[in-house]
């Protein structure tokens, strides 16, 4: 019975990711089997799934590691520096 329930929950989670969106960004969510959560890649927030129910209340979301955000920021800063250097040489 437990195995069957787990399979049903996994299938339901996959189906829900086709329907549900992030309550903050309104972008699609992806299911993370490792953390049993729905991830919003758009804003870097993970929403837990408790007892098979996605908790999409914004205060339930957990901000993902800052390394991902800082990497994005440094890429943005690098792009800005490249634009400046190209602007000066023109």
Protein backbone atom coordinates (compact mmCIF):
# COMPACT_ATOMS: atom_id res chain seq x y z
CA UNK A 1 0.00 0.00 0.00
CA UNK A 2 2.80 2.44 0.84
CA UNK A 3 4.53 1.80 -2.48
CA UNK A 4 1.34 2.43 -4.39
CA UNK A 5 0.71 5.65 -2.50
CA UNK A 6 4.22 6.92 -3.19
CA UNK A 7 3.83 6.21 -6.91
CA UNK A 8 0.50 8.04 -6.96
CA UNK A 9 2.04 11.05 -5.20
CA UNK A 10 4.95 11.16 -7.65
CA UNK A 11 2.59 11.03 -10.64
CA UNK A 12 0.38 13.69 -9.08
CA UNK A 13 3.40 15.94 -8.45
CA UNK A 14 4.44 15.62 -12.10
CA UNK A 15 0.91 16.47 -13.24
CA UNK A 16 0.67 19.42 -10.87
CA UNK A 17 3.90 20.92 -12.17
CA UNK A 18 2.15 21.23 -15.52
CA UNK A 19 -0.60 23.28 -13.88
CA UNK A 20 0.89 25.12 -10.90
CA UNK A 21 2.97 28.28 -11.11
CA UNK A 22 5.02 30.18 -8.56
CA UNK A 23 2.72 32.37 -6.44
CA UNK A 24 5.27 35.20 -6.58
CA UNK A 25 6.70 35.20 -10.10
CA UNK A 26 3.82 33.39 -11.86
CA UNK A 27 6.48 31.31 -13.68
CA UNK A 28 6.48 27.49 -13.97
CA UNK A 29 7.65 25.32 -11.10
CA UNK A 30 9.77 22.18 -11.36
CA UNK A 31 9.61 19.22 -9.02
CA UNK A 32 12.78 18.37 -7.09
CA UNK A 33 12.68 14.76 -5.96
CA UNK A 34 15.75 15.19 -3.72
CA UNK A 35 14.16 17.88 -1.54
CA UNK A 36 10.52 16.92 -2.23
CA UNK A 37 9.72 20.49 -3.18
CA UNK A 38 8.60 22.63 -6.08
CA UNK A 39 11.31 25.00 -7.29
CA UNK A 40 10.81 28.38 -8.90
CA UNK A 41 13.95 28.86 -10.98
CA UNK A 42 12.79 32.36 -11.91
CA UNK A 43 13.27 33.67 -8.37
CA UNK A 44 15.30 30.91 -6.71
CA UNK A 45 12.71 29.77 -4.17
CA UNK A 46 11.73 26.24 -3.12
CA UNK A 47 8.21 25.48 -1.91
CA UNK A 48 7.86 22.34 0.24
CA UNK A 49 5.45 19.47 -0.37
CA UNK A 50 4.01 18.28 2.94
CA UNK A 51 1.99 15.06 3.07
CA UNK A 52 1.60 15.26 -0.69
CA UNK A 53 0.26 18.83 -0.64
CA UNK A 54 2.31 21.64 -2.22
CA UNK A 55 2.66 24.57 0.21
CA UNK A 56 2.57 27.55 -2.12
CA UNK A 57 2.01 30.22 0.50
CA UNK A 58 4.80 32.75 -0.16
CA UNK A 59 5.97 32.63 3.47
CA UNK A 60 6.47 28.84 3.17
CA UNK A 61 9.04 29.30 0.41
CA UNK A 62 12.74 28.91 1.17
CA UNK A 63 15.31 30.96 -0.70
CA UNK A 64 17.81 28.72 -2.45
CA UNK A 65 21.55 28.97 -1.78
CA UNK A 66 23.08 32.39 -2.31
CA UNK A 67 25.84 30.93 -4.48
CA UNK A 68 23.38 30.67 -7.37
CA UNK A 69 22.25 34.27 -6.91
CA UNK A 70 25.79 35.61 -6.56
CA UNK A 71 26.88 33.72 -9.68
CA UNK A 72 24.03 35.38 -11.59
CA UNK A 73 25.02 38.79 -10.18
CA UNK A 74 28.68 38.34 -11.14
CA UNK A 75 27.65 37.31 -14.67
CA UNK A 76 25.56 40.48 -14.88
CA UNK A 77 28.47 42.59 -13.59
CA UNK A 78 30.84 40.97 -16.11
CA UNK A 79 28.41 41.78 -18.92
CA UNK A 80 28.25 45.40 -17.77
CA UNK A 81 32.07 45.62 -17.74
CA UNK A 82 32.26 44.17 -21.23
CA UNK A 83 29.72 46.70 -22.50
CA UNK A 84 31.70 49.55 -20.91
CA UNK A 85 34.98 48.40 -22.46
CA UNK A 86 33.38 48.05 -25.87
CA UNK A 87 31.78 51.45 -25.52
CA UNK A 88 35.14 53.10 -24.72
CA UNK A 89 36.95 51.48 -27.63
CA UNK A 90 34.33 52.57 -30.16
